Amino acid sequence: MDAFRTAVKQYAIVNEFELGTTKFDRARFRGYCSVDGCPWKICARTQVDKSVRVLTLFLTL
């Protein structure tokens, strides 16, 4: 999950938008574009085998 969080932060830097996060812990991550009107968001969860599964991904930049 730490590598996933780092990858999402890098994506935000490369694509030049402000990343906001809510309600995350070691097993879950929710990120979104914090600019008004920006619909980008991602939700992910750690699986039993320690892989990360993206549950929601909405990309329109």
Protein backbone atom coordinates (compact mmCIF):
# COMPACT_ATOMS: atom_id res chain seq x y z
CA MET A 1 0.00 0.00 0.00
CA ASP A 2 2.88 2.39 0.71
CA ALA A 3 4.18 1.95 -2.85
CA PHE A 4 0.66 2.52 -4.20
CA ARG A 5 0.27 5.75 -2.21
CA THR A 6 3.64 6.95 -3.51
CA ALA A 7 2.62 6.12 -7.09
CA VAL A 8 -0.65 8.09 -6.75
CA LYS A 9 1.23 11.08 -5.31
CA GLN A 10 3.71 10.95 -8.21
CA TYR A 11 0.82 10.77 -10.69
CA ALA A 12 -0.65 13.93 -9.15
CA ILE A 13 2.70 15.71 -9.42
CA VAL A 14 3.26 14.68 -13.06
CA ASN A 15 -0.29 15.65 -14.07
CA GLU A 16 -0.14 18.86 -12.03
CA PHE A 17 -3.18 18.62 -9.80
CA GLU A 18 -3.68 18.84 -6.04
CA LEU A 19 -4.24 15.47 -4.40
CA GLY A 20 -6.54 15.27 -1.43
CA THR A 21 -7.06 12.16 0.70
CA THR A 22 -9.78 11.03 3.08
CA LYS A 23 -10.40 8.13 5.43
CA PHE A 24 -7.40 5.98 4.77
CA ASP A 25 -5.53 3.53 6.95
CA ARG A 26 -2.97 0.83 6.29
CA ALA A 27 -5.43 -1.23 4.25
CA ARG A 28 -7.44 1.47 2.44
CA PHE A 29 -6.76 4.58 0.37
CA ARG A 30 -9.07 7.26 -1.03
CA GLY A 31 -7.69 10.06 -3.11
CA TYR A 32 -9.25 12.83 -5.15
CA CYS A 33 -8.43 16.01 -7.01
CA SER A 34 -9.03 18.82 -4.51
CA VAL A 35 -9.73 21.50 -7.14
CA ASP A 36 -13.41 22.45 -7.55
CA GLY A 37 -14.97 20.83 -10.59
CA CYS A 38 -12.23 18.22 -11.04
CA PRO A 39 -13.84 14.74 -11.12
CA TRP A 40 -10.64 12.66 -10.64
CA LYS A 41 -10.83 10.12 -7.81
CA ILE A 42 -9.40 6.75 -6.81
CA CYS A 43 -10.26 4.22 -4.09
CA ALA A 44 -8.12 1.17 -3.34
CA ARG A 45 -7.87 -1.60 -0.76
CA THR A 46 -5.22 -4.14 0.21
CA GLN A 47 -6.19 -7.75 -0.57
CA VAL A 48 -5.47 -10.86 1.52
CA ASP A 49 -2.40 -11.66 -0.62
CA LYS A 50 -1.03 -8.11 0.09
CA SER A 51 -1.74 -6.87 -3.44
CA VAL A 52 -3.63 -3.61 -3.94
CA ARG A 53 -6.99 -3.63 -5.71
CA VAL A 54 -8.34 -0.43 -7.21
CA LEU A 55 -12.07 -0.33 -6.49
CA THR A 56 -12.91 3.02 -8.09
CA LEU A 57 -10.96 4.99 -10.65
CA PHE A 58 -12.36 8.02 -12.40
CA LEU A 59 -9.93 9.88 -14.66
CA THR A 60 -10.93 12.94 -16.62
CA LEU A 61 -8.11 15.46 -16.69
